[in-house]
């Protein structure tokens, strides 16, 4: 009895290891495919202020900053709400990036998201530690245009 119980436990353990061994490569493959093929935009959590930067977009690349506006309270929350409505649709193959605006979202006094936004080529360049990711977004959508108008109005008058 004892030998058969022990044999049964060994067979069960080997079956578990074999099952785990067949699943692990699939999971590892999925993870590497995701990180290689695309970038998932950071989820914007709670923020306490937003800095919008006006950028000279008349050149061939990202131009100098013309001005900056810091938004707090309801204004900052409005920008964050509009930002959360943007649709990011995958990596951008566009070679151009002449953004008229950049945005920095702060939480607890620290930058939690920094991006430059280009409506001309419909992409957003996320600046994260040690990397820059450029993703396509729906710039011509109602929410894309609302984001543009919100940034533009931050510098009006």
C-alpha atoms as a PDB file:
ATOM      1  CA  UNK A   1       0.000   0.000   0.000  1.00  0.00           C
ATOM      2  CA  UNK A   2       2.712   2.384   0.991  1.00  0.00           C
ATOM      3  CA  UNK A   3       4.688   1.900  -2.216  1.00  0.00           C
ATOM      4  CA  UNK A   4       1.636   2.401  -4.416  1.00  0.00           C
ATOM      5  CA  UNK A   5       0.682   5.624  -2.525  1.00  0.00           C
ATOM      6  CA  UNK A   6       4.202   6.900  -2.918  1.00  0.00           C
ATOM      7  CA  UNK A   7       4.235   5.991  -6.612  1.00  0.00           C
ATOM      8  CA  UNK A   8       0.893   7.733  -7.080  1.00  0.00           C
ATOM      9  CA  UNK A   9       2.272  10.943  -5.485  1.00  0.00           C
ATOM     10  CA  UNK A  10       5.372  10.810  -7.703  1.00  0.00           C
ATOM     11  CA  UNK A  11       3.267  10.313 -10.840  1.00  0.00           C
ATOM     12  CA  UNK A  12       1.008  13.200  -9.760  1.00  0.00           C
ATOM     13  CA  UNK A  13       4.002  15.498  -9.118  1.00  0.00           C
ATOM     14  CA  UNK A  14       5.552  14.640 -12.494  1.00  0.00           C
ATOM     15  CA  UNK A  15       2.206  15.292 -14.228  1.00  0.00           C
ATOM     16  CA  UNK A  16       1.951  18.686 -12.499  1.00  0.00           C
ATOM     17  CA  UNK A  17       5.478  19.628 -13.530  1.00  0.00           C
ATOM     18  CA  UNK A  18       4.833  18.528 -17.109  1.00  0.00           C
ATOM     19  CA  UNK A  19       1.628  20.572 -17.254  1.00  0.00           C
ATOM     20  CA  UNK A  20       3.393  23.624 -15.830  1.00  0.00           C
ATOM     21  CA  UNK A  21       6.244  23.137 -18.285  1.00  0.00           C
ATOM     22  CA  UNK A  22       3.874  23.232 -21.241  1.00  0.00           C
ATOM     23  CA  UNK A  23       2.158  26.399 -20.023  1.00  0.00           C
ATOM     24  CA  UNK A  24       5.239  28.434 -19.123  1.00  0.00           C
ATOM     25  CA  UNK A  25       6.642  28.823 -22.643  1.00  0.00           C
ATOM     26  CA  UNK A  26       3.254  30.069 -23.878  1.00  0.00           C
ATOM     27  CA  UNK A  27       3.087  32.692 -21.121  1.00  0.00           C
ATOM     28  CA  UNK A  28       6.680  33.796 -21.687  1.00  0.00           C
ATOM     29  CA  UNK A  29       6.035  34.049 -25.421  1.00  0.00           C
ATOM     30  CA  UNK A  30       2.974  36.235 -24.833  1.00  0.00           C
ATOM     31  CA  UNK A  31       4.889  38.591 -22.547  1.00  0.00           C
ATOM     32  CA  UNK A  32       7.768  39.066 -24.955  1.00  0.00           C
ATOM     33  CA  UNK A  33       5.406  39.611 -27.908  1.00  0.00           C
ATOM     34  CA  UNK A  34       3.584  42.362 -26.052  1.00  0.00           C
ATOM     35  CA  UNK A  35       6.726  44.205 -24.999  1.00  0.00           C
ATOM     36  CA  UNK A  36       8.312  43.893 -28.461  1.00  0.00           C
ATOM     37  CA  UNK A  37       5.306  44.841 -30.567  1.00  0.00           C
ATOM     38  CA  UNK A  38       3.711  47.650 -28.666  1.00  0.00           C
ATOM     39  CA  UNK A  39       3.567  50.056 -25.850  1.00  0.00           C
ATOM     40  CA  UNK A  40       0.662  50.338 -23.487  1.00  0.00           C
ATOM     41  CA  UNK A  41       0.192  53.954 -22.488  1.00  0.00           C
ATOM     42  CA  UNK A  42       0.536  54.545 -18.764  1.00  0.00           C
ATOM     43  CA  UNK A  43      -2.739  54.645 -16.886  1.00  0.00           C
ATOM     44  CA  UNK A  44      -3.177  58.100 -15.451  1.00  0.00           C
ATOM     45  CA  UNK A  45      -4.081  57.850 -11.778  1.00  0.00           C
ATOM     46  CA  UNK A  46      -4.825  60.667  -9.350  1.00  0.00           C
ATOM     47  CA  UNK A  47      -3.164  63.942 -10.269  1.00  0.00           C
ATOM     48  CA  UNK A  48      -2.840  67.258  -8.451  1.00  0.00           C
ATOM     49  CA  UNK A  49      -1.590  69.525 -11.239  1.00  0.00           C
ATOM     50  CA  UNK A  50      -0.918  69.615 -14.954  1.00  0.00           C
ATOM     51  CA  UNK A  51       1.713  71.575 -16.832  1.00  0.00           C
ATOM     52  CA  UNK A  52       0.976  72.323 -20.487  1.00  0.00           C
ATOM     53  CA  UNK A  53       3.902  73.486 -22.616  1.00  0.00           C
ATOM     54  CA  UNK A  54       3.542  75.373 -25.893  1.00  0.00           C
ATOM     55  CA  UNK A  55       6.186  74.220 -28.369  1.00  0.00           C
ATOM     56  CA  UNK A  56       7.385  75.899 -31.558  1.00  0.00           C
ATOM     57  CA  UNK A  57       6.195  73.456 -34.215  1.00  0.00           C
ATOM     58  CA  UNK A  58       7.414  75.359 -37.276  1.00  0.00           C
ATOM     59  CA  UNK A  59      10.665  73.390 -37.707  1.00  0.00           C
ATOM     60  CA  UNK A  60      11.517  69.863 -38.755  1.00  0.00           C
ATOM     61  CA  UNK A  61      11.630  68.431 -35.243  1.00  0.00           C
ATOM     62  CA  UNK A  62      10.566  69.297 -31.727  1.00  0.00           C
ATOM     63  CA  UNK A  63      11.192  72.994 -31.326  1.00  0.00           C
ATOM     64  CA  UNK A  64      11.900  75.126 -28.277  1.00  0.00           C
ATOM     65  CA  UNK A  65       9.307  75.687 -25.577  1.00  0.00           C
ATOM     66  CA  UNK A  66       7.480  79.001 -26.072  1.00  0.00           C
ATOM     67  CA  UNK A  67       5.677  78.989 -22.750  1.00  0.00           C
ATOM     68  CA  UNK A  68       4.235  76.903 -19.949  1.00  0.00           C
ATOM     69  CA  UNK A  69       0.979  77.034 -18.000  1.00  0.00           C
ATOM     70  CA  UNK A  70       0.378  75.243 -14.726  1.00  0.00           C
ATOM     71  CA  UNK A  71      -3.193  74.133 -14.155  1.00  0.00           C
ATOM     72  CA  UNK A  72      -4.507  73.167 -10.743  1.00  0.00           C
ATOM     73  CA  UNK A  73      -7.813  72.186  -9.216  1.00  0.00           C
ATOM     74  CA  UNK A  74     -10.783  71.857 -11.563  1.00  0.00           C
ATOM     75  CA  UNK A  75      -8.728  72.896 -14.617  1.00  0.00           C
ATOM     76  CA  UNK A  76      -6.168  70.159 -13.990  1.00  0.00           C
ATOM     77  CA  UNK A  77      -8.891  67.586 -13.416  1.00  0.00           C
ATOM     78  CA  UNK A  78     -10.591  68.602 -16.680  1.00  0.00           C
ATOM     79  CA  UNK A  79      -7.371  68.063 -18.649  1.00  0.00           C
ATOM     80  CA  UNK A  80      -6.855  64.695 -16.929  1.00  0.00           C
ATOM     81  CA  UNK A  81     -10.424  63.643 -17.771  1.00  0.00           C
ATOM     82  CA  UNK A  82      -9.954  64.584 -21.433  1.00  0.00           C
ATOM     83  CA  UNK A  83      -6.581  62.810 -21.518  1.00  0.00           C
ATOM     84  CA  UNK A  84      -8.121  59.599 -20.160  1.00  0.00           C
ATOM     85  CA  UNK A  85     -10.613  59.643 -23.056  1.00  0.00           C
ATOM     86  CA  UNK A  86      -7.886  59.489 -25.722  1.00  0.00           C
ATOM     87  CA  UNK A  87      -7.695  56.305 -27.789  1.00  0.00           C
ATOM     88  CA  UNK A  88      -4.181  54.967 -28.265  1.00  0.00           C
ATOM     89  CA  UNK A  89      -4.229  52.566 -31.208  1.00  0.00           C
ATOM     90  CA  UNK A  90      -0.744  51.109 -31.300  1.00  0.00           C
ATOM     91  CA  UNK A  91       2.820  51.954 -32.198  1.00  0.00           C
ATOM     92  CA  UNK A  92       3.320  54.855 -34.577  1.00  0.00           C
ATOM     93  CA  UNK A  93       5.412  54.276 -37.670  1.00  0.00           C
ATOM     94  CA  UNK A  94       5.348  57.997 -38.478  1.00  0.00           C
ATOM     95  CA  UNK A  95       8.778  59.552 -38.908  1.00  0.00           C
ATOM     96  CA  UNK A  96       7.536  63.066 -38.242  1.00  0.00           C
ATOM     97  CA  UNK A  97       6.796  64.486 -34.829  1.00  0.00           C
ATOM     98  CA  UNK A  98       6.330  68.242 -34.674  1.00  0.00           C
ATOM     99  CA  UNK A  99       4.190  68.675 -31.585  1.00  0.00           C
ATOM    100  CA  UNK A 100       2.650  72.039 -30.757  1.00  0.00           C
ATOM    101  CA  UNK A 101       2.173  70.947 -27.137  1.00  0.00           C
ATOM    102  CA  UNK A 102       3.668  68.827 -24.403  1.00  0.00           C
ATOM    103  CA  UNK A 103       2.002  67.878 -21.158  1.00  0.00           C
ATOM    104  CA  UNK A 104       3.231  66.837 -17.730  1.00  0.00           C
ATOM    105  CA  UNK A 105       0.898  65.316 -15.160  1.00  0.00           C
ATOM    106  CA  UNK A 106       1.930  65.538 -11.500  1.00  0.00           C
ATOM    107  CA  UNK A 107       0.909  63.535  -8.467  1.00  0.00           C
ATOM    108  CA  UNK A 108       2.368  64.282  -5.057  1.00  0.00           C
ATOM    109  CA  UNK A 109       4.772  66.792  -6.595  1.00  0.00           C
ATOM    110  CA  UNK A 110       6.294  64.218  -9.000  1.00  0.00           C
ATOM    111  CA  UNK A 111       5.863  63.888 -12.748  1.00  0.00           C
ATOM    112  CA  UNK A 112       3.850  60.717 -13.371  1.00  0.00           C
ATOM    113  CA  UNK A 113       3.405  61.151 -17.128  1.00  0.00           C
ATOM    114  CA  UNK A 114       5.207  63.352 -19.664  1.00  0.00           C
ATOM    115  CA  UNK A 115       4.286  63.379 -23.343  1.00  0.00           C
ATOM    116  CA  UNK A 116       4.498  65.467 -26.487  1.00  0.00           C
ATOM    117  CA  UNK A 117       1.413  65.476 -28.706  1.00  0.00           C
ATOM    118  CA  UNK A 118       1.385  65.921 -32.500  1.00  0.00           C
ATOM    119  CA  UNK A 119      -1.938  66.285 -34.299  1.00  0.00           C
ATOM    120  CA  UNK A 120      -0.196  66.547 -37.705  1.00  0.00           C
ATOM    121  CA  UNK A 121       0.959  62.943 -37.636  1.00  0.00           C
ATOM    122  CA  UNK A 122      -1.553  61.720 -35.021  1.00  0.00           C
ATOM    123  CA  UNK A 123       1.006  60.488 -32.525  1.00  0.00           C
ATOM    124  CA  UNK A 124       1.989  60.978 -28.939  1.00  0.00           C
ATOM    125  CA  UNK A 125       5.519  60.515 -27.730  1.00  0.00           C
ATOM    126  CA  UNK A 126       5.595  59.254 -24.155  1.00  0.00           C
ATOM    127  CA  UNK A 127       8.784  60.093 -22.349  1.00  0.00           C
ATOM    128  CA  UNK A 128       9.432  57.472 -19.700  1.00  0.00           C
ATOM    129  CA  UNK A 129      12.664  56.604 -17.906  1.00  0.00           C
ATOM    130  CA  UNK A 130      15.357  55.472 -20.359  1.00  0.00           C
ATOM    131  CA  UNK A 131      12.926  55.172 -23.289  1.00  0.00           C
ATOM    132  CA  UNK A 132      10.679  57.120 -25.573  1.00  0.00           C
ATOM    133  CA  UNK A 133       7.573  55.500 -27.034  1.00  0.00           C
ATOM    134  CA  UNK A 134       5.645  56.952 -29.918  1.00  0.00           C
ATOM    135  CA  UNK A 135       2.062  55.738 -30.248  1.00  0.00           C
ATOM    136  CA  UNK A 136      -0.701  56.554 -32.661  1.00  0.00           C
ATOM    137  CA  UNK A 137      -3.851  58.182 -31.315  1.00  0.00           C
ATOM    138  CA  UNK A 138      -7.142  59.297 -32.814  1.00  0.00           C
ATOM    139  CA  UNK A 139      -6.190  62.954 -33.258  1.00  0.00           C
ATOM    140  CA  UNK A 140      -9.161  63.733 -35.513  1.00  0.00           C
ATOM    141  CA  UNK A 141     -11.731  62.241 -33.149  1.00  0.00           C
ATOM    142  CA  UNK A 142     -13.948  64.479 -31.019  1.00  0.00           C
ATOM    143  CA  UNK A 143     -11.801  63.693 -27.961  1.00  0.00           C
ATOM    144  CA  UNK A 144      -8.557  64.313 -29.870  1.00  0.00           C
ATOM    145  CA  UNK A 145      -9.825  67.702 -31.011  1.00  0.00           C
ATOM    146  CA  UNK A 146     -11.108  68.501 -27.517  1.00  0.00           C
ATOM    147  CA  UNK A 147      -7.603  67.852 -26.151  1.00  0.00           C
ATOM    148  CA  UNK A 148      -6.138  70.201 -28.764  1.00  0.00           C
ATOM    149  CA  UNK A 149      -8.642  72.963 -27.952  1.00  0.00           C
ATOM    150  CA  UNK A 150      -8.053  72.548 -24.221  1.00  0.00           C
ATOM    151  CA  UNK A 151      -4.288  72.940 -24.653  1.00  0.00           C
ATOM    152  CA  UNK A 152      -4.756  75.876 -27.055  1.00  0.00           C
ATOM    153  CA  UNK A 153      -7.110  77.662 -24.645  1.00  0.00           C
ATOM    154  CA  UNK A 154      -4.547  77.342 -21.841  1.00  0.00           C
ATOM    155  CA  UNK A 155      -2.456  79.884 -23.808  1.00  0.00           C
ATOM    156  CA  UNK A 156      -5.241  82.106 -25.133  1.00  0.00           C
ATOM    157  CA  UNK A 157      -5.436  85.678 -23.870  1.00  0.00           C
END
